[in-house]
């Protein structure tokens, strides 16, 4: 059974939620406004990526509860495949939309993005349906077999697959799950990563030769490309490597939950990509910072004026008190 260190996993989940949720909500409203006014391919792609991240973050509390309960599933079991499906589907959705962003940047021309976005959702939905199906494969026989085993051996009850979520797979379930995981690794990670690498490497190569583009803007674009590739590799690489190792060893690796933490952290790194990829997001962040700065200046000015008036008032009273003492003498 896989183990996830409670302190480490819970810390990553909480940091991801606290940082990622408000940042993605801000990006969501920014892209919604931009798409209503004047939609561009990059805005539509980033809006879909934001929606995917928000779905992921909304279901992240289920993982928090699971970790706090020592990886035991004490919620209604129907929520296990549903939350797992959303959790993993949104992870692979991110790889698709990050790949599409790299293609859009490389081509530099508008092409029909709306149908492509819908296709990404449907394709991820179909491939990740295995998360909902596998827990119920052979489940009808498991409780009875366990019960007969306990009665015959007079040993303490053995935990069934419903005591944990998406763990303790039977041999029948592994025969279905492990090959599908390998397919997910190849189709939903390796191919998108190769496409992204090709597009961004050529994007950087072409951009470095264009001298008419402002140097600051060129460096920002190159940094965005390198940063996206780095996020792609670090966040999704370890988890997908666990699929390959699992297929070779024919079991789920014990460190799979640890590898999943990297994918989890992606939800609070995507807003950085939004910031460098969209002028609308940069404008929204700039306006927010300006508003905060304005409120702080106003607050400080009021305190300063209040302090000055307080000082004047205090000085006048001190003078009156001193004069009274002189008259008394």
C-alpha atoms as a PDB file:
ATOM      1  CA  UNK A   1       0.000   0.000   0.000  1.00  0.00           C
ATOM      2  CA  UNK A   2       1.293   3.457  -0.870  1.00  0.00           C
ATOM      3  CA  UNK A   3       2.104   5.793   1.991  1.00  0.00           C
ATOM      4  CA  UNK A   4       2.055   9.573   1.998  1.00  0.00           C
ATOM      5  CA  UNK A   5       3.794  11.295   4.907  1.00  0.00           C
ATOM      6  CA  UNK A   6       0.984  13.220   6.575  1.00  0.00           C
ATOM      7  CA  UNK A   7       2.945  16.383   7.336  1.00  0.00           C
ATOM      8  CA  UNK A   8       4.570  16.655   3.892  1.00  0.00           C
ATOM      9  CA  UNK A   9       1.518  15.775   1.802  1.00  0.00           C
ATOM     10  CA  UNK A  10      -0.855  17.910   3.831  1.00  0.00           C
ATOM     11  CA  UNK A  11       1.551  20.874   3.647  1.00  0.00           C
ATOM     12  CA  UNK A  12       1.790  20.602  -0.150  1.00  0.00           C
ATOM     13  CA  UNK A  13      -1.990  20.311  -0.507  1.00  0.00           C
ATOM     14  CA  UNK A  14      -2.668  23.303   1.768  1.00  0.00           C
ATOM     15  CA  UNK A  15      -0.011  25.514   0.123  1.00  0.00           C
ATOM     16  CA  UNK A  16      -1.337  24.582  -3.313  1.00  0.00           C
ATOM     17  CA  UNK A  17      -4.906  25.386  -2.311  1.00  0.00           C
ATOM     18  CA  UNK A  18      -4.141  28.636  -0.458  1.00  0.00           C
ATOM     19  CA  UNK A  19      -1.923  30.029  -3.228  1.00  0.00           C
ATOM     20  CA  UNK A  20      -3.589  28.439  -6.241  1.00  0.00           C
ATOM     21  CA  UNK A  21      -7.277  29.041  -5.588  1.00  0.00           C
ATOM     22  CA  UNK A  22      -7.306  32.875  -5.335  1.00  0.00           C
ATOM     23  CA  UNK A  23      -4.773  33.185  -8.179  1.00  0.00           C
ATOM     24  CA  UNK A  24      -6.862  30.970 -10.472  1.00  0.00           C
ATOM     25  CA  UNK A  25     -10.104  32.738  -9.509  1.00  0.00           C
ATOM     26  CA  UNK A  26      -8.469  36.051 -10.456  1.00  0.00           C
ATOM     27  CA  UNK A  27      -7.290  34.566 -13.757  1.00  0.00           C
ATOM     28  CA  UNK A  28     -10.727  33.044 -14.408  1.00  0.00           C
ATOM     29  CA  UNK A  29     -12.576  36.361 -14.147  1.00  0.00           C
ATOM     30  CA  UNK A  30      -9.866  38.120 -16.158  1.00  0.00           C
ATOM     31  CA  UNK A  31     -10.068  35.629 -19.042  1.00  0.00           C
ATOM     32  CA  UNK A  32     -13.887  35.566 -18.928  1.00  0.00           C
ATOM     33  CA  UNK A  33     -13.932  39.342 -19.330  1.00  0.00           C
ATOM     34  CA  UNK A  34     -11.314  39.210 -22.085  1.00  0.00           C
ATOM     35  CA  UNK A  35     -13.090  36.440 -24.001  1.00  0.00           C
ATOM     36  CA  UNK A  36     -16.403  38.344 -23.887  1.00  0.00           C
ATOM     37  CA  UNK A  37     -14.763  41.502 -25.213  1.00  0.00           C
ATOM     38  CA  UNK A  38     -12.243  40.294 -27.802  1.00  0.00           C
ATOM     39  CA  UNK A  39     -11.344  36.591 -27.644  1.00  0.00           C
ATOM     40  CA  UNK A  40      -7.953  35.438 -28.847  1.00  0.00           C
ATOM     41  CA  UNK A  41      -6.732  31.828 -29.148  1.00  0.00           C
ATOM     42  CA  UNK A  42      -4.320  32.156 -26.223  1.00  0.00           C
ATOM     43  CA  UNK A  43      -7.037  33.610 -23.967  1.00  0.00           C
ATOM     44  CA  UNK A  44      -9.440  30.756 -24.743  1.00  0.00           C
ATOM     45  CA  UNK A  45      -6.755  28.162 -24.044  1.00  0.00           C
ATOM     46  CA  UNK A  46      -5.715  29.799 -20.783  1.00  0.00           C
ATOM     47  CA  UNK A  47      -9.360  30.128 -19.712  1.00  0.00           C
ATOM     48  CA  UNK A  48      -9.808  26.380 -20.166  1.00  0.00           C
ATOM     49  CA  UNK A  49      -6.572  25.714 -18.296  1.00  0.00           C
ATOM     50  CA  UNK A  50      -7.848  27.918 -15.457  1.00  0.00           C
ATOM     51  CA  UNK A  51     -11.159  26.031 -15.319  1.00  0.00           C
ATOM     52  CA  UNK A  52      -9.246  22.752 -15.170  1.00  0.00           C
ATOM     53  CA  UNK A  53      -7.082  24.016 -12.302  1.00  0.00           C
ATOM     54  CA  UNK A  54     -10.116  25.298 -10.387  1.00  0.00           C
ATOM     55  CA  UNK A  55     -11.848  21.916 -10.698  1.00  0.00           C
ATOM     56  CA  UNK A  56      -8.686  20.281  -9.423  1.00  0.00           C
ATOM     57  CA  UNK A  57      -8.502  22.660  -6.447  1.00  0.00           C
ATOM     58  CA  UNK A  58     -12.181  22.213  -5.576  1.00  0.00           C
ATOM     59  CA  UNK A  59     -11.656  18.461  -5.184  1.00  0.00           C
ATOM     60  CA  UNK A  60      -8.297  18.811  -3.417  1.00  0.00           C
ATOM     61  CA  UNK A  61      -9.968  18.900   0.068  1.00  0.00           C
ATOM     62  CA  UNK A  62     -10.944  15.251  -0.470  1.00  0.00           C
ATOM     63  CA  UNK A  63      -7.229  14.401  -0.716  1.00  0.00           C
ATOM     64  CA  UNK A  64      -6.558  16.498   2.391  1.00  0.00           C
ATOM     65  CA  UNK A  65      -9.171  14.568   4.350  1.00  0.00           C
ATOM     66  CA  UNK A  66      -7.751  11.267   3.101  1.00  0.00           C
ATOM     67  CA  UNK A  67      -4.217  12.203   4.212  1.00  0.00           C
ATOM     68  CA  UNK A  68      -5.407  13.443   7.630  1.00  0.00           C
ATOM     69  CA  UNK A  69      -7.190  10.101   8.094  1.00  0.00           C
ATOM     70  CA  UNK A  70      -3.937   8.166   7.484  1.00  0.00           C
ATOM     71  CA  UNK A  71      -4.889   7.329   3.881  1.00  0.00           C
ATOM     72  CA  UNK A  72      -8.119   5.637   4.992  1.00  0.00           C
ATOM     73  CA  UNK A  73     -11.303   6.529   3.078  1.00  0.00           C
ATOM     74  CA  UNK A  74     -14.009   7.296   5.663  1.00  0.00           C
ATOM     75  CA  UNK A  75     -16.293   9.226   3.302  1.00  0.00           C
ATOM     76  CA  UNK A  76     -19.051   7.677   1.148  1.00  0.00           C
ATOM     77  CA  UNK A  77     -17.247   5.331  -1.232  1.00  0.00           C
ATOM     78  CA  UNK A  78     -19.077   6.725  -4.265  1.00  0.00           C
ATOM     79  CA  UNK A  79     -17.082   9.922  -3.777  1.00  0.00           C
ATOM     80  CA  UNK A  80     -13.805   8.010  -4.177  1.00  0.00           C
ATOM     81  CA  UNK A  81     -14.001   7.275  -7.940  1.00  0.00           C
ATOM     82  CA  UNK A  82     -15.652  10.647  -8.640  1.00  0.00           C
ATOM     83  CA  UNK A  83     -13.018  12.685  -6.805  1.00  0.00           C
ATOM     84  CA  UNK A  84     -10.236  10.516  -8.251  1.00  0.00           C
ATOM     85  CA  UNK A  85     -11.612  10.953 -11.759  1.00  0.00           C
ATOM     86  CA  UNK A  86     -11.723  14.766 -11.474  1.00  0.00           C
ATOM     87  CA  UNK A  87      -8.337  14.816  -9.745  1.00  0.00           C
ATOM     88  CA  UNK A  88      -6.487  12.860 -12.423  1.00  0.00           C
ATOM     89  CA  UNK A  89      -8.465  14.167 -15.405  1.00  0.00           C
ATOM     90  CA  UNK A  90      -7.609  17.782 -14.592  1.00  0.00           C
ATOM     91  CA  UNK A  91      -3.918  16.865 -14.218  1.00  0.00           C
ATOM     92  CA  UNK A  92      -3.795  15.468 -17.755  1.00  0.00           C
ATOM     93  CA  UNK A  93      -6.011  18.269 -19.038  1.00  0.00           C
ATOM     94  CA  UNK A  94      -3.253  20.651 -17.992  1.00  0.00           C
ATOM     95  CA  UNK A  95      -0.732  18.816 -20.165  1.00  0.00           C
ATOM     96  CA  UNK A  96      -3.028  19.204 -23.182  1.00  0.00           C
ATOM     97  CA  UNK A  97      -3.677  22.905 -22.695  1.00  0.00           C
ATOM     98  CA  UNK A  98      -0.025  23.680 -21.941  1.00  0.00           C
ATOM     99  CA  UNK A  99       0.851  21.854 -25.165  1.00  0.00           C
ATOM    100  CA  UNK A 100      -1.767  23.824 -27.082  1.00  0.00           C
ATOM    101  CA  UNK A 101      -0.335  27.076 -25.689  1.00  0.00           C
ATOM    102  CA  UNK A 102       3.108  26.049 -26.970  1.00  0.00           C
ATOM    103  CA  UNK A 103       1.675  25.286 -30.422  1.00  0.00           C
ATOM    104  CA  UNK A 104      -0.170  28.607 -30.511  1.00  0.00           C
ATOM    105  CA  UNK A 105       2.957  30.484 -29.531  1.00  0.00           C
ATOM    106  CA  UNK A 106       5.017  28.678 -32.134  1.00  0.00           C
ATOM    107  CA  UNK A 107       2.624  29.175 -35.004  1.00  0.00           C
ATOM    108  CA  UNK A 108       1.840  32.739 -34.032  1.00  0.00           C
ATOM    109  CA  UNK A 109      -1.410  32.750 -36.008  1.00  0.00           C
ATOM    110  CA  UNK A 110      -5.050  32.281 -35.034  1.00  0.00           C
ATOM    111  CA  UNK A 111      -6.640  28.922 -35.710  1.00  0.00           C
ATOM    112  CA  UNK A 112      -9.909  27.328 -34.525  1.00  0.00           C
ATOM    113  CA  UNK A 113      -9.183  26.867 -30.823  1.00  0.00           C
ATOM    114  CA  UNK A 114     -12.741  26.382 -29.455  1.00  0.00           C
ATOM    115  CA  UNK A 115     -13.269  22.940 -31.039  1.00  0.00           C
ATOM    116  CA  UNK A 116      -9.749  21.952 -29.957  1.00  0.00           C
ATOM    117  CA  UNK A 117     -10.506  22.884 -26.338  1.00  0.00           C
ATOM    118  CA  UNK A 118     -13.680  20.812 -26.378  1.00  0.00           C
ATOM    119  CA  UNK A 119     -11.730  17.912 -27.870  1.00  0.00           C
ATOM    120  CA  UNK A 120      -9.160  18.088 -25.037  1.00  0.00           C
ATOM    121  CA  UNK A 121     -11.908  17.817 -22.408  1.00  0.00           C
ATOM    122  CA  UNK A 122     -13.607  14.911 -24.154  1.00  0.00           C
ATOM    123  CA  UNK A 123     -10.349  13.050 -24.814  1.00  0.00           C
ATOM    124  CA  UNK A 124      -9.238  13.385 -21.183  1.00  0.00           C
ATOM    125  CA  UNK A 125     -12.711  12.388 -19.989  1.00  0.00           C
ATOM    126  CA  UNK A 126     -12.675   9.180 -22.051  1.00  0.00           C
ATOM    127  CA  UNK A 127      -9.127   8.172 -21.122  1.00  0.00           C
ATOM    128  CA  UNK A 128      -9.508   8.868 -17.398  1.00  0.00           C
ATOM    129  CA  UNK A 129     -12.828   7.030 -17.137  1.00  0.00           C
ATOM    130  CA  UNK A 130     -10.660   4.071 -16.081  1.00  0.00           C
ATOM    131  CA  UNK A 131     -10.405   5.745 -12.641  1.00  0.00           C
ATOM    132  CA  UNK A 132     -14.161   5.301 -12.164  1.00  0.00           C
ATOM    133  CA  UNK A 133     -14.301   1.798 -13.635  1.00  0.00           C
ATOM    134  CA  UNK A 134     -11.344   0.023 -11.985  1.00  0.00           C
ATOM    135  CA  UNK A 135     -12.508   0.190  -8.320  1.00  0.00           C
ATOM    136  CA  UNK A 136     -15.615  -1.814  -9.248  1.00  0.00           C
ATOM    137  CA  UNK A 137     -13.922  -4.519 -11.335  1.00  0.00           C
ATOM    138  CA  UNK A 138     -14.377  -7.787  -9.462  1.00  0.00           C
ATOM    139  CA  UNK A 139     -15.743  -5.923  -6.432  1.00  0.00           C
ATOM    140  CA  UNK A 140     -18.776  -8.205  -6.135  1.00  0.00           C
ATOM    141  CA  UNK A 141     -16.636 -11.178  -5.226  1.00  0.00           C
ATOM    142  CA  UNK A 142     -14.199  -9.372  -2.935  1.00  0.00           C
ATOM    143  CA  UNK A 143     -16.384  -8.911   0.207  1.00  0.00           C
ATOM    144  CA  UNK A 144     -17.705 -12.510   0.125  1.00  0.00           C
ATOM    145  CA  UNK A 145     -14.248 -13.968  -0.418  1.00  0.00           C
ATOM    146  CA  UNK A 146     -12.872 -11.892   2.430  1.00  0.00           C
ATOM    147  CA  UNK A 147     -15.743 -12.954   4.696  1.00  0.00           C
ATOM    148  CA  UNK A 148     -15.224 -16.646   3.959  1.00  0.00           C
ATOM    149  CA  UNK A 149     -11.498 -16.261   4.587  1.00  0.00           C
ATOM    150  CA  UNK A 150     -12.098 -14.614   7.972  1.00  0.00           C
ATOM    151  CA  UNK A 151     -14.626 -17.252   9.024  1.00  0.00           C
ATOM    152  CA  UNK A 152     -12.310 -20.104   8.121  1.00  0.00           C
ATOM    153  CA  UNK A 153      -9.162 -18.720   9.755  1.00  0.00           C
ATOM    154  CA  UNK A 154     -10.771 -16.908  12.731  1.00  0.00           C
ATOM    155  CA  UNK A 155      -8.424 -13.968  12.220  1.00  0.00           C
ATOM    156  CA  UNK A 156      -9.234 -10.264  12.645  1.00  0.00           C
ATOM    157  CA  UNK A 157     -11.165  -8.683   9.751  1.00  0.00           C
ATOM    158  CA  UNK A 158      -9.071  -7.859   6.695  1.00  0.00           C
ATOM    159  CA  UNK A 159      -9.472  -4.420   5.175  1.00  0.00           C
ATOM    160  CA  UNK A 160     -11.388  -4.466   1.918  1.00  0.00           C
ATOM    161  CA  UNK A 161     -10.762  -2.193  -1.051  1.00  0.00           C
ATOM    162  CA  UNK A 162     -13.440   0.169   0.275  1.00  0.00           C
ATOM    163  CA  UNK A 163     -11.358   1.026   3.331  1.00  0.00           C
ATOM    164  CA  UNK A 164      -8.990   2.970   1.078  1.00  0.00           C
ATOM    165  CA  UNK A 165      -9.459   4.985  -2.101  1.00  0.00           C
ATOM    166  CA  UNK A 166      -7.874   3.757  -5.327  1.00  0.00           C
ATOM    167  CA  UNK A 167      -5.480   1.420  -3.505  1.00  0.00           C
ATOM    168  CA  UNK A 168      -5.050  -2.304  -2.731  1.00  0.00           C
ATOM    169  CA  UNK A 169      -5.910  -3.421  -6.247  1.00  0.00           C
ATOM    170  CA  UNK A 170      -6.651  -7.057  -6.974  1.00  0.00           C
ATOM    171  CA  UNK A 171      -4.773  -8.969  -9.660  1.00  0.00           C
ATOM    172  CA  UNK A 172      -7.779  -8.632 -11.972  1.00  0.00           C
ATOM    173  CA  UNK A 173      -7.832  -4.858 -11.484  1.00  0.00           C
ATOM    174  CA  UNK A 174      -4.072  -4.546 -12.048  1.00  0.00           C
ATOM    175  CA  UNK A 175      -4.375  -6.467 -15.318  1.00  0.00           C
ATOM    176  CA  UNK A 176      -6.608  -3.642 -16.570  1.00  0.00           C
ATOM    177  CA  UNK A 177      -5.115  -0.666 -14.753  1.00  0.00           C
ATOM    178  CA  UNK A 178      -1.359  -0.980 -15.340  1.00  0.00           C
ATOM    179  CA  UNK A 179      -1.509  -1.188 -19.175  1.00  0.00           C
ATOM    180  CA  UNK A 180      -3.932   1.752 -19.217  1.00  0.00           C
ATOM    181  CA  UNK A 181      -1.573   3.794 -17.032  1.00  0.00           C
ATOM    182  CA  UNK A 182       1.223   3.118 -19.494  1.00  0.00           C
ATOM    183  CA  UNK A 183      -1.053   4.298 -22.312  1.00  0.00           C
ATOM    184  CA  UNK A 184      -1.869   7.456 -20.322  1.00  0.00           C
ATOM    185  CA  UNK A 185       1.841   8.121 -19.844  1.00  0.00           C
ATOM    186  CA  UNK A 186       2.576   7.809 -23.565  1.00  0.00           C
ATOM    187  CA  UNK A 187      -0.510   9.510 -25.016  1.00  0.00           C
ATOM    188  CA  UNK A 188      -1.264  12.156 -22.380  1.00  0.00           C
ATOM    189  CA  UNK A 189       2.270  13.032 -21.267  1.00  0.00           C
ATOM    190  CA  UNK A 190       5.120  11.871 -23.526  1.00  0.00           C
ATOM    191  CA  UNK A 191       3.583  12.970 -26.840  1.00  0.00           C
ATOM    192  CA  UNK A 192       2.373  16.369 -25.499  1.00  0.00           C
ATOM    193  CA  UNK A 193       5.758  16.954 -23.870  1.00  0.00           C
ATOM    194  CA  UNK A 194       7.631  16.202 -27.095  1.00  0.00           C
ATOM    195  CA  UNK A 195       5.302  18.536 -29.021  1.00  0.00           C
ATOM    196  CA  UNK A 196       5.763  21.289 -26.423  1.00  0.00           C
ATOM    197  CA  UNK A 197       9.528  20.852 -26.458  1.00  0.00           C
ATOM    198  CA  UNK A 198       9.651  21.060 -30.262  1.00  0.00           C
ATOM    199  CA  UNK A 199       7.421  24.142 -30.358  1.00  0.00           C
ATOM    200  CA  UNK A 200       9.148  26.056 -27.564  1.00  0.00           C
ATOM    201  CA  UNK A 201      12.675  25.243 -28.727  1.00  0.00           C
ATOM    202  CA  UNK A 202      11.835  26.523 -32.195  1.00  0.00           C
ATOM    203  CA  UNK A 203       9.908  29.435 -30.698  1.00  0.00           C
ATOM    204  CA  UNK A 204      13.005  30.468 -28.741  1.00  0.00           C
ATOM    205  CA  UNK A 205      15.273  29.934 -31.756  1.00  0.00           C
ATOM    206  CA  UNK A 206      13.117  32.116 -34.016  1.00  0.00           C
ATOM    207  CA  UNK A 207      12.514  34.764 -31.372  1.00  0.00           C
ATOM    208  CA  UNK A 208      16.224  35.138 -30.637  1.00  0.00           C
ATOM    209  CA  UNK A 209      16.811  36.072 -34.288  1.00  0.00           C
ATOM    210  CA  UNK A 210      14.125  38.771 -34.413  1.00  0.00           C
ATOM    211  CA  UNK A 211      16.015  41.959 -33.581  1.00  0.00           C
ATOM    212  CA  UNK A 212      13.055  44.298 -34.157  1.00  0.00           C
ATOM    213  CA  UNK A 213      11.266  43.008 -31.040  1.00  0.00           C
ATOM    214  CA  UNK A 214      11.890  44.880 -27.804  1.00  0.00           C
ATOM    215  CA  UNK A 215      14.644  43.128 -25.801  1.00  0.00           C
ATOM    216  CA  UNK A 216      12.630  43.098 -22.577  1.00  0.00           C
ATOM    217  CA  UNK A 217       9.614  41.635 -24.330  1.00  0.00           C
ATOM    218  CA  UNK A 218      11.778  39.033 -26.081  1.00  0.00           C
ATOM    219  CA  UNK A 219      13.431  37.925 -22.844  1.00  0.00           C
ATOM    220  CA  UNK A 220      10.063  37.697 -21.111  1.00  0.00           C
ATOM    221  CA  UNK A 221       8.716  35.483 -23.877  1.00  0.00           C
ATOM    222  CA  UNK A 222      11.790  33.253 -23.796  1.00  0.00           C
ATOM    223  CA  UNK A 223      11.565  33.023 -20.003  1.00  0.00           C
ATOM    224  CA  UNK A 224       7.892  32.069 -20.286  1.00  0.00           C
ATOM    225  CA  UNK A 225       8.737  29.305 -22.762  1.00  0.00           C
ATOM    226  CA  UNK A 226      11.559  27.875 -20.635  1.00  0.00           C
ATOM    227  CA  UNK A 227       9.464  28.181 -17.466  1.00  0.00           C
ATOM    228  CA  UNK A 228       6.530  26.344 -19.047  1.00  0.00           C
ATOM    229  CA  UNK A 229       8.767  23.487 -20.171  1.00  0.00           C
ATOM    230  CA  UNK A 230      10.307  23.296 -16.708  1.00  0.00           C
ATOM    231  CA  UNK A 231       6.862  23.216 -15.053  1.00  0.00           C
ATOM    232  CA  UNK A 232       5.769  20.580 -17.563  1.00  0.00           C
ATOM    233  CA  UNK A 233       8.750  18.322 -16.813  1.00  0.00           C
ATOM    234  CA  UNK A 234       8.940  18.752 -13.026  1.00  0.00           C
ATOM    235  CA  UNK A 235       5.216  18.684 -12.269  1.00  0.00           C
ATOM    236  CA  UNK A 236       4.102  15.850 -14.548  1.00  0.00           C
ATOM    237  CA  UNK A 237       7.304  13.882 -15.164  1.00  0.00           C
ATOM    238  CA  UNK A 238       7.708  11.993 -11.841  1.00  0.00           C
ATOM    239  CA  UNK A 239       4.057  10.900 -11.723  1.00  0.00           C
ATOM    240  CA  UNK A 240       4.147   9.546 -15.272  1.00  0.00           C
ATOM    241  CA  UNK A 241       7.463   7.811 -14.644  1.00  0.00           C
ATOM    242  CA  UNK A 242       5.631   5.928 -11.863  1.00  0.00           C
ATOM    243  CA  UNK A 243       3.304   4.525 -14.561  1.00  0.00           C
ATOM    244  CA  UNK A 244       6.271   3.088 -16.461  1.00  0.00           C
ATOM    245  CA  UNK A 245       7.845   1.649 -13.305  1.00  0.00           C
ATOM    246  CA  UNK A 246       4.487   0.230 -12.238  1.00  0.00           C
ATOM    247  CA  UNK A 247       4.043  -1.514 -15.571  1.00  0.00           C
ATOM    248  CA  UNK A 248       7.544  -3.018 -15.387  1.00  0.00           C
ATOM    249  CA  UNK A 249       7.167  -4.176 -11.782  1.00  0.00           C
ATOM    250  CA  UNK A 250       3.464  -4.990 -12.267  1.00  0.00           C
ATOM    251  CA  UNK A 251       2.379  -3.144  -9.148  1.00  0.00           C
ATOM    252  CA  UNK A 252       1.763   0.417  -8.032  1.00  0.00           C
ATOM    253  CA  UNK A 253       5.089   1.878  -6.807  1.00  0.00           C
ATOM    254  CA  UNK A 254       5.170   2.769  -3.125  1.00  0.00           C
ATOM    255  CA  UNK A 255       6.411   6.282  -4.003  1.00  0.00           C
ATOM    256  CA  UNK A 256       3.560   7.023  -6.420  1.00  0.00           C
ATOM    257  CA  UNK A 257       1.780   9.329  -3.925  1.00  0.00           C
ATOM    258  CA  UNK A 258       4.984  11.311  -3.446  1.00  0.00           C
ATOM    259  CA  UNK A 259       5.332  11.730  -7.214  1.00  0.00           C
ATOM    260  CA  UNK A 260       1.734  12.926  -7.341  1.00  0.00           C
ATOM    261  CA  UNK A 261       2.645  15.849  -5.071  1.00  0.00           C
ATOM    262  CA  UNK A 262       4.618  17.424  -7.943  1.00  0.00           C
ATOM    263  CA  UNK A 263       1.523  17.289 -10.154  1.00  0.00           C
ATOM    264  CA  UNK A 264      -0.545  18.810  -7.339  1.00  0.00           C
ATOM    265  CA  UNK A 265       1.765  21.800  -7.040  1.00  0.00           C
ATOM    266  CA  UNK A 266       1.154  22.621 -10.714  1.00  0.00           C
ATOM    267  CA  UNK A 267      -2.157  24.296  -9.813  1.00  0.00           C
ATOM    268  CA  UNK A 268      -0.368  27.187  -8.102  1.00  0.00           C
ATOM    269  CA  UNK A 269       2.377  27.445 -10.745  1.00  0.00           C
ATOM    270  CA  UNK A 270       0.002  27.838 -13.706  1.00  0.00           C
ATOM    271  CA  UNK A 271      -0.955  31.401 -12.655  1.00  0.00           C
ATOM    272  CA  UNK A 272       2.674  32.383 -13.273  1.00  0.00           C
ATOM    273  CA  UNK A 273       2.281  31.137 -16.843  1.00  0.00           C
ATOM    274  CA  UNK A 274      -0.943  33.142 -17.086  1.00  0.00           C
ATOM    275  CA  UNK A 275       0.880  36.264 -15.931  1.00  0.00           C
ATOM    276  CA  UNK A 276       3.638  36.003 -18.528  1.00  0.00           C
ATOM    277  CA  UNK A 277       1.336  34.772 -21.315  1.00  0.00           C
ATOM    278  CA  UNK A 278      -1.499  37.273 -21.044  1.00  0.00           C
ATOM    279  CA  UNK A 279      -1.350  41.060 -20.957  1.00  0.00           C
ATOM    280  CA  UNK A 280      -4.898  41.010 -19.534  1.00  0.00           C
ATOM    281  CA  UNK A 281      -3.731  39.140 -16.426  1.00  0.00           C
ATOM    282  CA  UNK A 282      -0.752  41.445 -16.048  1.00  0.00           C
ATOM    283  CA  UNK A 283      -3.111  44.409 -16.315  1.00  0.00           C
ATOM    284  CA  UNK A 284      -5.482  42.971 -13.697  1.00  0.00           C
ATOM    285  CA  UNK A 285      -2.631  42.249 -11.291  1.00  0.00           C
ATOM    286  CA  UNK A 286      -1.228  45.729 -11.891  1.00  0.00           C
ATOM    287  CA  UNK A 287      -4.601  47.345 -11.182  1.00  0.00           C
ATOM    288  CA  UNK A 288      -4.979  45.315  -7.992  1.00  0.00           C
ATOM    289  CA  UNK A 289      -1.516  46.306  -6.788  1.00  0.00           C
ATOM    290  CA  UNK A 290      -2.237  49.933  -7.601  1.00  0.00           C
ATOM    291  CA  UNK A 291      -5.507  49.741  -5.666  1.00  0.00           C
ATOM    292  CA  UNK A 292      -3.781  48.216  -2.646  1.00  0.00           C
ATOM    293  CA  UNK A 293      -1.030  50.844  -2.815  1.00  0.00           C
ATOM    294  CA  UNK A 294      -3.619  53.626  -3.050  1.00  0.00           C
ATOM    295  CA  UNK A 295      -5.528  52.323  -0.023  1.00  0.00           C
ATOM    296  CA  UNK A 296      -2.318  51.999   1.962  1.00  0.00           C
ATOM    297  CA  UNK A 297      -1.278  55.542   1.091  1.00  0.00           C
ATOM    298  CA  UNK A 298      -4.699  56.842   2.102  1.00  0.00           C
ATOM    299  CA  UNK A 299      -4.579  54.926   5.384  1.00  0.00           C
ATOM    300  CA  UNK A 300      -1.054  56.128   6.168  1.00  0.00           C
ATOM    301  CA  UNK A 301      -1.981  59.733   5.313  1.00  0.00           C
ATOM    302  CA  UNK A 302      -4.982  59.608   7.665  1.00  0.00           C
ATOM    303  CA  UNK A 303      -2.837  58.224  10.483  1.00  0.00           C
ATOM    304  CA  UNK A 304      -0.222  60.899   9.878  1.00  0.00           C
ATOM    305  CA  UNK A 305      -2.777  63.720   9.933  1.00  0.00           C
ATOM    306  CA  UNK A 306      -4.440  62.234  13.009  1.00  0.00           C
ATOM    307  CA  UNK A 307      -1.073  62.005  14.723  1.00  0.00           C
ATOM    308  CA  UNK A 308      -0.252  65.607  13.901  1.00  0.00           C
ATOM    309  CA  UNK A 309      -3.594  66.867  15.205  1.00  0.00           C
ATOM    310  CA  UNK A 310      -3.159  64.713  18.286  1.00  0.00           C
ATOM    311  CA  UNK A 311       0.287  66.199  18.835  1.00  0.00           C
ATOM    312  CA  UNK A 312      -0.993  69.753  18.471  1.00  0.00           C
ATOM    313  CA  UNK A 313      -3.856  69.089  20.840  1.00  0.00           C
ATOM    314  CA  UNK A 314      -1.586  67.421  23.368  1.00  0.00           C
ATOM    315  CA  UNK A 315       0.863  70.359  23.190  1.00  0.00           C
ATOM    316  CA  UNK A 316      -1.897  72.908  23.818  1.00  0.00           C
ATOM    317  CA  UNK A 317      -3.131  70.986  26.846  1.00  0.00           C
ATOM    318  CA  UNK A 318       0.406  70.691  28.193  1.00  0.00           C
ATOM    319  CA  UNK A 319       0.833  74.467  27.836  1.00  0.00           C
ATOM    320  CA  UNK A 320      -2.431  75.156  29.676  1.00  0.00           C
ATOM    321  CA  UNK A 321      -1.449  72.748  32.456  1.00  0.00           C
ATOM    322  CA  UNK A 322       1.959  74.434  32.781  1.00  0.00           C
ATOM    323  CA  UNK A 323       0.360  77.892  32.940  1.00  0.00           C
ATOM    324  CA  UNK A 324      -1.990  76.737  35.719  1.00  0.00           C
ATOM    325  CA  UNK A 325       0.979  75.496  37.730  1.00  0.00           C
ATOM    326  CA  UNK A 326       2.734  78.897  37.313  1.00  0.00           C
ATOM    327  CA  UNK A 327      -0.365  80.795  38.426  1.00  0.00           C
ATOM    328  CA  UNK A 328      -0.689  78.533  41.440  1.00  0.00           C
ATOM    329  CA  UNK A 329       2.850  79.404  42.532  1.00  0.00           C
END
